[in-house]
């Protein structure tokens, strides 16, 4: 996939900037500009080029005493390596970055390494190692007062509990994350956390709590999308409303889900919505929606 025009322009300008610094052998500005170049390559999904720029930047950053930035470059190289399909090498690089962040007494950087390693372990199917990594990341983000990242890791831990069908534990993580996301005015994170909280509570059978959470998530997705997440929130809310006996509201929410799934081309989910709406009619006694 080719990068957008604005990103391509930034990339070309940064390549020229780095080329001039290399020609002048200017090691004062070159390491940070290489780091910026690598990040642009990453945004453009040019992972091999990103990896090369990160690797070139590392010794120069170290020479200038920019230890946290050197660790950042190794972390970036690990992400690029992961995108190239080598998870084991990426984990080794993350460990190298972790050691250097520790040397720099950068607890937030250490937390980022733990979180990245946890995501890799989860992708490899090792949920226990992933849980340990996310818990270590949580501890470091709390020490460093990185509250936005703390909320993200709490949600990751909740996801792991959901996958293990430990819904009460998942709900507790989501409930802890939600006020942190609210405090930092991250509307997308608030909506995602409310959606996950609603799903966990619904799976516990606590539909009052589920309804309250899902009614917070739904307006965000209605306005900003994407359609599948709007549909998912409406579907989950429709189910909770059904179990609470609010049949008209349940049908209305399920019809929103049906429409949005149709727009997204999810035919199986459309059929599932139709079946749920039929069940609402059956429970109502076939009378159809009340006035």
C-alpha atoms as a PDB file:
ATOM      1  CA  UNK A   1       0.000   0.000   0.000  1.00  0.00           C
ATOM      2  CA  UNK A   2       1.487   3.354  -1.002  1.00  0.00           C
ATOM      3  CA  UNK A   3       1.562   6.075   1.665  1.00  0.00           C
ATOM      4  CA  UNK A   4      -0.785   9.102   1.435  1.00  0.00           C
ATOM      5  CA  UNK A   5       0.540  12.089  -0.482  1.00  0.00           C
ATOM      6  CA  UNK A   6       1.183  14.170   2.658  1.00  0.00           C
ATOM      7  CA  UNK A   7       3.123  11.346   4.322  1.00  0.00           C
ATOM      8  CA  UNK A   8       5.076  10.684   1.124  1.00  0.00           C
ATOM      9  CA  UNK A   9       5.999  14.382   0.956  1.00  0.00           C
ATOM     10  CA  UNK A  10       7.161  14.351   4.589  1.00  0.00           C
ATOM     11  CA  UNK A  11       9.164  11.209   3.930  1.00  0.00           C
ATOM     12  CA  UNK A  12      10.903  12.670   0.884  1.00  0.00           C
ATOM     13  CA  UNK A  13      11.721  15.875   2.775  1.00  0.00           C
ATOM     14  CA  UNK A  14      13.125  13.891   5.692  1.00  0.00           C
ATOM     15  CA  UNK A  15      15.215  11.713   3.365  1.00  0.00           C
ATOM     16  CA  UNK A  16      16.721  14.889   1.873  1.00  0.00           C
ATOM     17  CA  UNK A  17      17.374  16.319   5.335  1.00  0.00           C
ATOM     18  CA  UNK A  18      19.158  13.151   6.456  1.00  0.00           C
ATOM     19  CA  UNK A  19      21.170  12.978   3.209  1.00  0.00           C
ATOM     20  CA  UNK A  20      22.451  16.537   3.773  1.00  0.00           C
ATOM     21  CA  UNK A  21      23.448  15.729   7.370  1.00  0.00           C
ATOM     22  CA  UNK A  22      25.227  12.558   6.253  1.00  0.00           C
ATOM     23  CA  UNK A  23      27.132  14.531   3.583  1.00  0.00           C
ATOM     24  CA  UNK A  24      28.230  17.100   6.179  1.00  0.00           C
ATOM     25  CA  UNK A  25      28.978  14.304   8.665  1.00  0.00           C
ATOM     26  CA  UNK A  26      26.932  16.258  11.208  1.00  0.00           C
ATOM     27  CA  UNK A  27      26.549  13.878  14.136  1.00  0.00           C
ATOM     28  CA  UNK A  28      24.921  16.593  16.251  1.00  0.00           C
ATOM     29  CA  UNK A  29      21.604  16.551  14.411  1.00  0.00           C
ATOM     30  CA  UNK A  30      21.814  13.289  12.447  1.00  0.00           C
ATOM     31  CA  UNK A  31      20.791  10.755  15.147  1.00  0.00           C
ATOM     32  CA  UNK A  32      17.495  12.437  16.013  1.00  0.00           C
ATOM     33  CA  UNK A  33      16.727  13.060  12.339  1.00  0.00           C
ATOM     34  CA  UNK A  34      17.357   9.359  11.630  1.00  0.00           C
ATOM     35  CA  UNK A  35      14.924   8.513  14.406  1.00  0.00           C
ATOM     36  CA  UNK A  36      12.328  10.783  12.812  1.00  0.00           C
ATOM     37  CA  UNK A  37      13.017   9.206   9.409  1.00  0.00           C
ATOM     38  CA  UNK A  38      12.563   5.704  10.814  1.00  0.00           C
ATOM     39  CA  UNK A  39       9.232   6.700  12.345  1.00  0.00           C
ATOM     40  CA  UNK A  40       8.025   8.058   9.008  1.00  0.00           C
ATOM     41  CA  UNK A  41       9.079   4.841   7.258  1.00  0.00           C
ATOM     42  CA  UNK A  42       7.077   2.947   9.853  1.00  0.00           C
ATOM     43  CA  UNK A  43       3.980   5.075   9.263  1.00  0.00           C
ATOM     44  CA  UNK A  44       4.389   4.393   5.546  1.00  0.00           C
ATOM     45  CA  UNK A  45       4.622   0.641   6.327  1.00  0.00           C
ATOM     46  CA  UNK A  46       8.134   0.553   4.888  1.00  0.00           C
ATOM     47  CA  UNK A  47       9.371  -1.635   7.707  1.00  0.00           C
ATOM     48  CA  UNK A  48      12.696  -2.755   6.218  1.00  0.00           C
ATOM     49  CA  UNK A  49      13.725   0.858   5.638  1.00  0.00           C
ATOM     50  CA  UNK A  50      12.518   1.803   9.127  1.00  0.00           C
ATOM     51  CA  UNK A  51      14.622  -0.966  10.620  1.00  0.00           C
ATOM     52  CA  UNK A  52      17.744   0.263   8.785  1.00  0.00           C
ATOM     53  CA  UNK A  53      17.242   3.839   9.975  1.00  0.00           C
ATOM     54  CA  UNK A  54      16.655   2.752  13.582  1.00  0.00           C
ATOM     55  CA  UNK A  55      19.812   0.607  13.491  1.00  0.00           C
ATOM     56  CA  UNK A  56      21.878   3.482  12.067  1.00  0.00           C
ATOM     57  CA  UNK A  57      20.576   5.883  14.705  1.00  0.00           C
ATOM     58  CA  UNK A  58      21.361   3.733  17.745  1.00  0.00           C
ATOM     59  CA  UNK A  59      25.168   4.141  18.094  1.00  0.00           C
ATOM     60  CA  UNK A  60      24.923   7.855  17.286  1.00  0.00           C
ATOM     61  CA  UNK A  61      22.275   8.377  19.953  1.00  0.00           C
ATOM     62  CA  UNK A  62      24.416   6.487  22.449  1.00  0.00           C
ATOM     63  CA  UNK A  63      27.460   8.566  21.537  1.00  0.00           C
ATOM     64  CA  UNK A  64      25.494  11.742  22.238  1.00  0.00           C
ATOM     65  CA  UNK A  65      24.323  10.397  25.579  1.00  0.00           C
ATOM     66  CA  UNK A  66      20.686  10.155  24.479  1.00  0.00           C
ATOM     67  CA  UNK A  67      20.110   6.867  26.263  1.00  0.00           C
ATOM     68  CA  UNK A  68      16.290   6.836  26.317  1.00  0.00           C
ATOM     69  CA  UNK A  69      16.271   7.751  22.636  1.00  0.00           C
ATOM     70  CA  UNK A  70      18.643   4.863  21.910  1.00  0.00           C
ATOM     71  CA  UNK A  71      16.231   2.520  23.679  1.00  0.00           C
ATOM     72  CA  UNK A  72      13.387   4.077  21.670  1.00  0.00           C
ATOM     73  CA  UNK A  73      15.290   3.256  18.468  1.00  0.00           C
ATOM     74  CA  UNK A  74      15.769  -0.370  19.549  1.00  0.00           C
ATOM     75  CA  UNK A  75      12.075  -0.562  20.446  1.00  0.00           C
ATOM     76  CA  UNK A  76      11.234   0.799  16.996  1.00  0.00           C
ATOM     77  CA  UNK A  77      13.557  -1.745  15.392  1.00  0.00           C
ATOM     78  CA  UNK A  78      11.743  -4.474  17.344  1.00  0.00           C
ATOM     79  CA  UNK A  79       8.370  -3.312  16.012  1.00  0.00           C
ATOM     80  CA  UNK A  80       9.731  -3.240  12.439  1.00  0.00           C
ATOM     81  CA  UNK A  81      11.198  -6.710  12.938  1.00  0.00           C
ATOM     82  CA  UNK A  82       7.845  -7.971  14.156  1.00  0.00           C
ATOM     83  CA  UNK A  83       6.163  -6.542  11.051  1.00  0.00           C
ATOM     84  CA  UNK A  84       8.688  -8.505   8.989  1.00  0.00           C
ATOM     85  CA  UNK A  85       7.412 -11.663  10.697  1.00  0.00           C
ATOM     86  CA  UNK A  86      10.232 -12.442  13.134  1.00  0.00           C
ATOM     87  CA  UNK A  87       8.567 -12.446  16.568  1.00  0.00           C
ATOM     88  CA  UNK A  88      11.467 -14.140  18.377  1.00  0.00           C
ATOM     89  CA  UNK A  89      14.023 -11.584  17.148  1.00  0.00           C
ATOM     90  CA  UNK A  90      11.592  -8.808  18.073  1.00  0.00           C
ATOM     91  CA  UNK A  91      11.398 -10.154  21.644  1.00  0.00           C
ATOM     92  CA  UNK A  92      15.198 -10.203  21.883  1.00  0.00           C
ATOM     93  CA  UNK A  93      15.372  -6.587  20.713  1.00  0.00           C
ATOM     94  CA  UNK A  94      12.684  -5.593  23.226  1.00  0.00           C
ATOM     95  CA  UNK A  95      14.789  -7.111  25.984  1.00  0.00           C
ATOM     96  CA  UNK A  96      17.769  -5.035  24.805  1.00  0.00           C
ATOM     97  CA  UNK A  97      15.613  -1.906  24.843  1.00  0.00           C
ATOM     98  CA  UNK A  98      14.343  -2.760  28.318  1.00  0.00           C
ATOM     99  CA  UNK A  99      17.897  -2.981  29.681  1.00  0.00           C
ATOM    100  CA  UNK A 100      18.762   0.440  28.261  1.00  0.00           C
ATOM    101  CA  UNK A 101      15.551   2.084  29.489  1.00  0.00           C
ATOM    102  CA  UNK A 102      16.394   0.688  32.935  1.00  0.00           C
ATOM    103  CA  UNK A 103      19.889   2.207  32.653  1.00  0.00           C
ATOM    104  CA  UNK A 104      18.262   5.539  31.828  1.00  0.00           C
ATOM    105  CA  UNK A 105      15.814   5.142  34.760  1.00  0.00           C
ATOM    106  CA  UNK A 106      12.974   5.610  32.249  1.00  0.00           C
ATOM    107  CA  UNK A 107      10.128   3.670  33.879  1.00  0.00           C
ATOM    108  CA  UNK A 108       7.588   4.586  31.190  1.00  0.00           C
ATOM    109  CA  UNK A 109       9.956   3.303  28.508  1.00  0.00           C
ATOM    110  CA  UNK A 110      10.368   0.074  30.491  1.00  0.00           C
ATOM    111  CA  UNK A 111       6.594  -0.219  30.664  1.00  0.00           C
ATOM    112  CA  UNK A 112       6.343   0.217  26.908  1.00  0.00           C
ATOM    113  CA  UNK A 113       8.768  -2.676  26.377  1.00  0.00           C
ATOM    114  CA  UNK A 114       6.799  -4.926  28.718  1.00  0.00           C
ATOM    115  CA  UNK A 115       3.541  -4.014  26.953  1.00  0.00           C
ATOM    116  CA  UNK A 116       4.999  -4.618  23.484  1.00  0.00           C
ATOM    117  CA  UNK A 117       6.447  -7.978  24.566  1.00  0.00           C
ATOM    118  CA  UNK A 118       3.093  -8.932  26.080  1.00  0.00           C
ATOM    119  CA  UNK A 119       1.320  -8.190  22.804  1.00  0.00           C
ATOM    120  CA  UNK A 120       3.796 -10.415  20.952  1.00  0.00           C
ATOM    121  CA  UNK A 121       3.347 -13.229  23.479  1.00  0.00           C
ATOM    122  CA  UNK A 122      -0.403 -12.987  23.115  1.00  0.00           C
ATOM    123  CA  UNK A 123      -0.071 -13.176  19.334  1.00  0.00           C
ATOM    124  CA  UNK A 124       2.038 -16.312  19.804  1.00  0.00           C
ATOM    125  CA  UNK A 125      -0.723 -17.862  21.933  1.00  0.00           C
ATOM    126  CA  UNK A 126       1.103 -17.584  25.279  1.00  0.00           C
ATOM    127  CA  UNK A 127      -1.581 -15.792  27.292  1.00  0.00           C
ATOM    128  CA  UNK A 128       0.127 -16.404  30.650  1.00  0.00           C
ATOM    129  CA  UNK A 129       3.333 -14.688  29.510  1.00  0.00           C
ATOM    130  CA  UNK A 130       1.191 -11.930  28.005  1.00  0.00           C
ATOM    131  CA  UNK A 131      -0.604 -11.447  31.332  1.00  0.00           C
ATOM    132  CA  UNK A 132       2.701 -11.227  33.206  1.00  0.00           C
ATOM    133  CA  UNK A 133       3.978  -8.698  30.679  1.00  0.00           C
ATOM    134  CA  UNK A 134       0.885  -6.502  30.869  1.00  0.00           C
ATOM    135  CA  UNK A 135       0.989  -6.578  34.689  1.00  0.00           C
ATOM    136  CA  UNK A 136       4.637  -5.497  34.611  1.00  0.00           C
ATOM    137  CA  UNK A 137       3.741  -2.728  32.146  1.00  0.00           C
ATOM    138  CA  UNK A 138       0.892  -1.606  34.406  1.00  0.00           C
ATOM    139  CA  UNK A 139       3.246  -1.320  37.379  1.00  0.00           C
ATOM    140  CA  UNK A 140       5.708   0.788  35.397  1.00  0.00           C
ATOM    141  CA  UNK A 141       3.081   3.072  33.860  1.00  0.00           C
ATOM    142  CA  UNK A 142       1.666   3.720  37.328  1.00  0.00           C
ATOM    143  CA  UNK A 143       5.134   4.571  38.652  1.00  0.00           C
ATOM    144  CA  UNK A 144       5.649   6.934  35.722  1.00  0.00           C
ATOM    145  CA  UNK A 145       2.142   8.438  35.976  1.00  0.00           C
ATOM    146  CA  UNK A 146       1.486   7.485  32.346  1.00  0.00           C
ATOM    147  CA  UNK A 147      -2.241   7.255  32.980  1.00  0.00           C
ATOM    148  CA  UNK A 148      -3.392   7.058  29.362  1.00  0.00           C
ATOM    149  CA  UNK A 149      -1.144   4.040  28.804  1.00  0.00           C
ATOM    150  CA  UNK A 150      -2.253   2.627  32.156  1.00  0.00           C
ATOM    151  CA  UNK A 151      -5.854   2.598  30.891  1.00  0.00           C
ATOM    152  CA  UNK A 152      -4.805   0.833  27.684  1.00  0.00           C
ATOM    153  CA  UNK A 153      -2.996  -1.923  29.579  1.00  0.00           C
ATOM    154  CA  UNK A 154      -5.938  -2.391  31.947  1.00  0.00           C
ATOM    155  CA  UNK A 155      -8.093  -2.940  28.859  1.00  0.00           C
ATOM    156  CA  UNK A 156      -5.562  -5.425  27.486  1.00  0.00           C
ATOM    157  CA  UNK A 157      -5.708  -7.337  30.768  1.00  0.00           C
ATOM    158  CA  UNK A 158      -9.488  -7.273  30.588  1.00  0.00           C
ATOM    159  CA  UNK A 159      -9.349  -8.689  27.065  1.00  0.00           C
ATOM    160  CA  UNK A 160      -7.241 -11.593  28.322  1.00  0.00           C
ATOM    161  CA  UNK A 161      -9.762 -12.305  31.074  1.00  0.00           C
ATOM    162  CA  UNK A 162     -12.616 -12.182  28.542  1.00  0.00           C
ATOM    163  CA  UNK A 163     -10.802 -14.718  26.354  1.00  0.00           C
ATOM    164  CA  UNK A 164     -10.493 -16.990  29.396  1.00  0.00           C
ATOM    165  CA  UNK A 165     -14.224 -16.548  30.191  1.00  0.00           C
ATOM    166  CA  UNK A 166     -13.386 -14.851  33.513  1.00  0.00           C
ATOM    167  CA  UNK A 167     -15.988 -12.152  33.065  1.00  0.00           C
ATOM    168  CA  UNK A 168     -16.025 -10.749  36.609  1.00  0.00           C
ATOM    169  CA  UNK A 169     -12.253 -10.225  36.496  1.00  0.00           C
ATOM    170  CA  UNK A 170     -12.544  -8.647  33.037  1.00  0.00           C
ATOM    171  CA  UNK A 171     -15.294  -6.308  34.204  1.00  0.00           C
ATOM    172  CA  UNK A 172     -13.143  -5.205  37.158  1.00  0.00           C
ATOM    173  CA  UNK A 173     -10.281  -4.247  34.826  1.00  0.00           C
ATOM    174  CA  UNK A 174     -12.609  -2.330  32.491  1.00  0.00           C
ATOM    175  CA  UNK A 175     -14.232  -0.538  35.421  1.00  0.00           C
ATOM    176  CA  UNK A 176     -10.794   0.523  36.633  1.00  0.00           C
ATOM    177  CA  UNK A 177      -9.774   1.727  33.162  1.00  0.00           C
ATOM    178  CA  UNK A 178     -12.910   3.741  32.371  1.00  0.00           C
ATOM    179  CA  UNK A 179     -12.454   6.692  34.796  1.00  0.00           C
ATOM    180  CA  UNK A 180      -8.776   6.950  33.817  1.00  0.00           C
ATOM    181  CA  UNK A 181      -9.746   7.235  30.143  1.00  0.00           C
ATOM    182  CA  UNK A 182     -12.431   9.787  31.058  1.00  0.00           C
ATOM    183  CA  UNK A 183      -9.941  11.850  33.039  1.00  0.00           C
ATOM    184  CA  UNK A 184      -7.716  12.132  29.980  1.00  0.00           C
ATOM    185  CA  UNK A 185     -10.575  13.092  27.675  1.00  0.00           C
ATOM    186  CA  UNK A 186      -9.871  10.261  25.235  1.00  0.00           C
ATOM    187  CA  UNK A 187     -13.336   9.814  23.721  1.00  0.00           C
ATOM    188  CA  UNK A 188     -12.396   6.816  21.581  1.00  0.00           C
ATOM    189  CA  UNK A 189     -10.789   5.011  24.508  1.00  0.00           C
ATOM    190  CA  UNK A 190     -13.780   5.816  26.741  1.00  0.00           C
ATOM    191  CA  UNK A 191     -16.160   4.372  24.137  1.00  0.00           C
ATOM    192  CA  UNK A 192     -14.070   1.231  23.655  1.00  0.00           C
ATOM    193  CA  UNK A 193     -13.762   0.686  27.398  1.00  0.00           C
ATOM    194  CA  UNK A 194     -17.499   1.234  27.936  1.00  0.00           C
ATOM    195  CA  UNK A 195     -18.275  -1.228  25.147  1.00  0.00           C
ATOM    196  CA  UNK A 196     -16.008  -3.882  26.656  1.00  0.00           C
ATOM    197  CA  UNK A 197     -17.373  -3.213  30.143  1.00  0.00           C
ATOM    198  CA  UNK A 198     -20.914  -3.628  28.830  1.00  0.00           C
ATOM    199  CA  UNK A 199     -20.038  -6.898  27.130  1.00  0.00           C
ATOM    200  CA  UNK A 200     -18.350  -8.283  30.248  1.00  0.00           C
ATOM    201  CA  UNK A 201     -21.265  -7.282  32.476  1.00  0.00           C
ATOM    202  CA  UNK A 202     -23.742  -8.762  29.995  1.00  0.00           C
ATOM    203  CA  UNK A 203     -21.857 -12.058  29.949  1.00  0.00           C
ATOM    204  CA  UNK A 204     -21.979 -12.023  33.754  1.00  0.00           C
ATOM    205  CA  UNK A 205     -25.748 -11.600  33.522  1.00  0.00           C
ATOM    206  CA  UNK A 206     -25.711  -8.075  35.013  1.00  0.00           C
ATOM    207  CA  UNK A 207     -27.796  -6.393  32.326  1.00  0.00           C
ATOM    208  CA  UNK A 208     -28.486  -3.241  34.347  1.00  0.00           C
ATOM    209  CA  UNK A 209     -24.752  -2.528  34.510  1.00  0.00           C
ATOM    210  CA  UNK A 210     -24.321  -3.629  30.892  1.00  0.00           C
ATOM    211  CA  UNK A 211     -27.066  -1.285  29.688  1.00  0.00           C
ATOM    212  CA  UNK A 212     -25.549   1.714  31.466  1.00  0.00           C
ATOM    213  CA  UNK A 213     -22.114   1.067  29.961  1.00  0.00           C
ATOM    214  CA  UNK A 214     -23.371   0.354  26.446  1.00  0.00           C
ATOM    215  CA  UNK A 215     -25.550   3.471  26.412  1.00  0.00           C
ATOM    216  CA  UNK A 216     -22.335   5.428  26.999  1.00  0.00           C
ATOM    217  CA  UNK A 217     -20.495   3.694  24.160  1.00  0.00           C
ATOM    218  CA  UNK A 218     -23.238   3.819  21.545  1.00  0.00           C
ATOM    219  CA  UNK A 219     -23.360   7.613  20.863  1.00  0.00           C
ATOM    220  CA  UNK A 220     -19.632   7.740  20.136  1.00  0.00           C
ATOM    221  CA  UNK A 221     -19.818   4.937  17.569  1.00  0.00           C
ATOM    222  CA  UNK A 222     -23.031   6.349  16.104  1.00  0.00           C
ATOM    223  CA  UNK A 223     -21.188   9.596  15.387  1.00  0.00           C
ATOM    224  CA  UNK A 224     -17.686   8.380  14.581  1.00  0.00           C
ATOM    225  CA  UNK A 225     -18.059   4.713  13.570  1.00  0.00           C
ATOM    226  CA  UNK A 226     -16.765   2.446  12.283  1.00  0.00           C
ATOM    227  CA  UNK A 227     -19.984   0.697  11.288  1.00  0.00           C
ATOM    228  CA  UNK A 228     -19.038  -2.743  12.712  1.00  0.00           C
ATOM    229  CA  UNK A 229     -18.332  -1.275  16.162  1.00  0.00           C
ATOM    230  CA  UNK A 230     -21.535   0.780  16.065  1.00  0.00           C
ATOM    231  CA  UNK A 231     -23.386  -2.410  15.146  1.00  0.00           C
ATOM    232  CA  UNK A 232     -21.645  -4.385  17.890  1.00  0.00           C
ATOM    233  CA  UNK A 233     -22.553  -1.822  20.551  1.00  0.00           C
ATOM    234  CA  UNK A 234     -26.170  -1.689  19.335  1.00  0.00           C
ATOM    235  CA  UNK A 235     -26.386  -5.495  19.278  1.00  0.00           C
ATOM    236  CA  UNK A 236     -25.038  -5.849  22.814  1.00  0.00           C
ATOM    237  CA  UNK A 237     -27.360  -3.108  24.066  1.00  0.00           C
ATOM    238  CA  UNK A 238     -30.310  -4.736  22.318  1.00  0.00           C
ATOM    239  CA  UNK A 239     -29.624  -8.011  24.115  1.00  0.00           C
ATOM    240  CA  UNK A 240     -29.403  -6.353  27.533  1.00  0.00           C
ATOM    241  CA  UNK A 241     -32.615  -4.425  26.896  1.00  0.00           C
ATOM    242  CA  UNK A 242     -34.302  -7.687  25.878  1.00  0.00           C
ATOM    243  CA  UNK A 243     -33.283  -9.419  29.091  1.00  0.00           C
ATOM    244  CA  UNK A 244     -34.440  -6.390  31.088  1.00  0.00           C
ATOM    245  CA  UNK A 245     -37.872  -6.618  29.419  1.00  0.00           C
ATOM    246  CA  UNK A 246     -37.560  -3.290  27.531  1.00  0.00           C
ATOM    247  CA  UNK A 247     -38.741  -4.933  24.332  1.00  0.00           C
ATOM    248  CA  UNK A 248     -39.481  -1.868  22.195  1.00  0.00           C
ATOM    249  CA  UNK A 249     -36.095  -0.349  23.008  1.00  0.00           C
ATOM    250  CA  UNK A 250     -34.456  -3.730  22.397  1.00  0.00           C
ATOM    251  CA  UNK A 251     -35.989  -3.982  18.938  1.00  0.00           C
ATOM    252  CA  UNK A 252     -34.959  -0.436  18.070  1.00  0.00           C
ATOM    253  CA  UNK A 253     -31.360  -1.145  19.080  1.00  0.00           C
ATOM    254  CA  UNK A 254     -31.289  -4.458  17.223  1.00  0.00           C
ATOM    255  CA  UNK A 255     -32.582  -2.739  14.076  1.00  0.00           C
ATOM    256  CA  UNK A 256     -29.730  -0.236  14.310  1.00  0.00           C
ATOM    257  CA  UNK A 257     -27.318  -3.179  14.554  1.00  0.00           C
ATOM    258  CA  UNK A 258     -29.006  -4.867  11.580  1.00  0.00           C
ATOM    259  CA  UNK A 259     -28.674  -1.741   9.428  1.00  0.00           C
ATOM    260  CA  UNK A 260     -25.056  -1.111  10.338  1.00  0.00           C
ATOM    261  CA  UNK A 261     -24.045  -4.744   9.820  1.00  0.00           C
ATOM    262  CA  UNK A 262     -25.755  -4.601   6.424  1.00  0.00           C
ATOM    263  CA  UNK A 263     -23.763  -1.476   5.540  1.00  0.00           C
ATOM    264  CA  UNK A 264     -20.567  -3.255   6.588  1.00  0.00           C
ATOM    265  CA  UNK A 265     -21.423  -6.301   4.460  1.00  0.00           C
ATOM    266  CA  UNK A 266     -21.640  -8.711   7.407  1.00  0.00           C
ATOM    267  CA  UNK A 267     -24.423 -10.948   6.121  1.00  0.00           C
ATOM    268  CA  UNK A 268     -24.221 -13.514   8.922  1.00  0.00           C
ATOM    269  CA  UNK A 269     -24.634 -10.813  11.537  1.00  0.00           C
ATOM    270  CA  UNK A 270     -27.610  -9.359   9.657  1.00  0.00           C
ATOM    271  CA  UNK A 271     -29.275 -12.773   9.821  1.00  0.00           C
ATOM    272  CA  UNK A 272     -28.493 -13.010  13.524  1.00  0.00           C
ATOM    273  CA  UNK A 273     -30.143  -9.625  14.099  1.00  0.00           C
ATOM    274  CA  UNK A 274     -33.229 -10.722  12.146  1.00  0.00           C
ATOM    275  CA  UNK A 275     -33.499 -13.814  14.325  1.00  0.00           C
ATOM    276  CA  UNK A 276     -33.159 -11.756  17.503  1.00  0.00           C
ATOM    277  CA  UNK A 277     -35.836  -9.305  16.348  1.00  0.00           C
ATOM    278  CA  UNK A 278     -38.145 -12.242  15.651  1.00  0.00           C
ATOM    279  CA  UNK A 279     -37.491 -13.456  19.212  1.00  0.00           C
ATOM    280  CA  UNK A 280     -38.445 -10.008  20.540  1.00  0.00           C
ATOM    281  CA  UNK A 281     -41.743 -10.235  18.612  1.00  0.00           C
ATOM    282  CA  UNK A 282     -42.347 -13.713  19.985  1.00  0.00           C
ATOM    283  CA  UNK A 283     -41.786 -12.587  23.549  1.00  0.00           C
ATOM    284  CA  UNK A 284     -44.068  -9.605  23.002  1.00  0.00           C
ATOM    285  CA  UNK A 285     -46.738 -12.024  21.801  1.00  0.00           C
ATOM    286  CA  UNK A 286     -46.576 -11.120  18.139  1.00  0.00           C
ATOM    287  CA  UNK A 287     -48.253  -7.782  18.708  1.00  0.00           C
ATOM    288  CA  UNK A 288     -45.419  -5.798  17.128  1.00  0.00           C
ATOM    289  CA  UNK A 289     -43.992  -2.620  18.592  1.00  0.00           C
ATOM    290  CA  UNK A 290     -46.147  -0.679  21.024  1.00  0.00           C
ATOM    291  CA  UNK A 291     -47.112   2.857  20.247  1.00  0.00           C
END
